[in-house]
Amino acid sequence: MVEFLKKAMDWVLEKEQEAAKKCYVNPADVQKQIEILEAKRAQLRKKFEEEDAEFGHVLSRLSLIKVNASKCETK
């Protein structure tokens, strides 16, 4: 499904590019689309960074637990 959406988006963008070359596209409309996508991208990056930090925290704790558990094996 993701691959289909990528191909569909590429097709739409190709048609938009062709229309732009023929002066059928309003640059202000494209600028609005760019701003919307940049805002969405910033949101996704922030969410990723927050979630990545949480994974890092959990991994650190699990590593510490593993070290403590490993000490028990050597006794």
Protein backbone atom coordinates (compact mmCIF):
# COMPACT_ATOMS: atom_id res chain seq x y z
CA MET A 1 0.00 0.00 0.00
CA VAL A 2 2.82 2.42 0.83
CA GLU A 3 4.46 1.76 -2.52
CA PHE A 4 1.17 2.50 -4.28
CA LEU A 5 0.85 5.81 -2.44
CA LYS A 6 4.43 6.75 -3.35
CA LYS A 7 3.75 6.04 -7.02
CA ALA A 8 0.48 7.96 -6.91
CA MET A 9 2.17 10.95 -5.28
CA ASP A 10 4.99 10.88 -7.81
CA TRP A 11 2.44 10.80 -10.62
CA VAL A 12 0.55 13.78 -9.16
CA LEU A 13 3.77 15.73 -8.68
CA GLU A 14 4.81 14.94 -12.25
CA LYS A 15 1.51 16.32 -13.54
CA GLU A 16 1.89 19.41 -11.35
CA GLN A 17 5.38 19.94 -12.71
CA GLU A 18 4.13 19.67 -16.28
CA ALA A 19 1.35 22.14 -15.50
CA ALA A 20 3.85 24.54 -13.91
CA LYS A 21 5.99 24.47 -17.03
CA LYS A 22 2.91 25.54 -19.00
CA CYS A 23 2.17 28.32 -16.47
CA TYR A 24 -1.05 26.66 -15.23
CA VAL A 25 0.06 26.60 -11.58
CA ASN A 26 -0.23 29.49 -9.15
CA PRO A 27 3.09 29.86 -7.26
CA ALA A 28 1.19 31.10 -4.18
CA ASP A 29 -0.73 27.81 -4.04
CA VAL A 30 2.50 25.85 -4.26
CA GLN A 31 3.98 28.01 -1.48
CA LYS A 32 1.00 27.17 0.75
CA GLN A 33 1.58 23.45 0.08
CA ILE A 34 5.26 23.84 0.91
CA GLU A 35 4.46 25.59 4.19
CA ILE A 36 1.95 22.90 5.18
CA LEU A 37 4.43 20.12 4.42
CA GLU A 38 7.26 21.87 6.26
CA ALA A 39 5.04 22.26 9.34
CA LYS A 40 4.01 18.60 9.19
CA ARG A 41 7.64 17.57 8.75
CA ALA A 42 8.66 19.61 11.81
CA GLN A 43 5.91 17.93 13.86
CA LEU A 44 7.05 14.49 12.75
CA ARG A 45 10.69 15.28 13.54
CA LYS A 46 9.77 16.50 17.02
CA LYS A 47 7.66 13.41 17.68
CA PHE A 48 10.47 11.16 16.39
CA GLU A 49 13.05 12.87 18.61
CA GLU A 50 10.81 12.49 21.67
CA GLU A 51 10.14 8.83 20.96
CA ASP A 52 13.79 8.19 20.14
CA ALA A 53 14.78 9.73 23.47
CA GLU A 54 12.33 7.44 25.25
CA PHE A 55 13.77 4.39 23.47
CA GLY A 56 17.24 5.53 24.49
CA HIS A 57 16.12 5.79 28.11
CA VAL A 58 14.59 2.31 28.08
CA LEU A 59 17.66 0.81 26.37
CA SER A 60 19.95 2.38 28.97
CA ARG A 61 17.87 0.94 31.78
CA LEU A 62 17.79 -2.49 30.13
CA SER A 63 21.56 -2.42 29.68
CA LEU A 64 21.99 -1.67 33.37
CA ILE A 65 19.61 -4.50 34.28
CA LYS A 66 21.59 -6.86 32.03
CA VAL A 67 24.87 -5.86 33.72
CA ASN A 68 23.37 -6.50 37.15
CA ALA A 69 21.91 -9.82 36.04
CA SER A 70 25.26 -10.86 34.52
CA LYS A 71 26.97 -10.34 37.87
CA CYS A 72 24.73 -13.01 39.32
CA GLU A 73 25.89 -15.56 36.75
CA THR A 74 29.53 -15.23 37.77
CA LYS A 75 28.86 -15.98 41.44
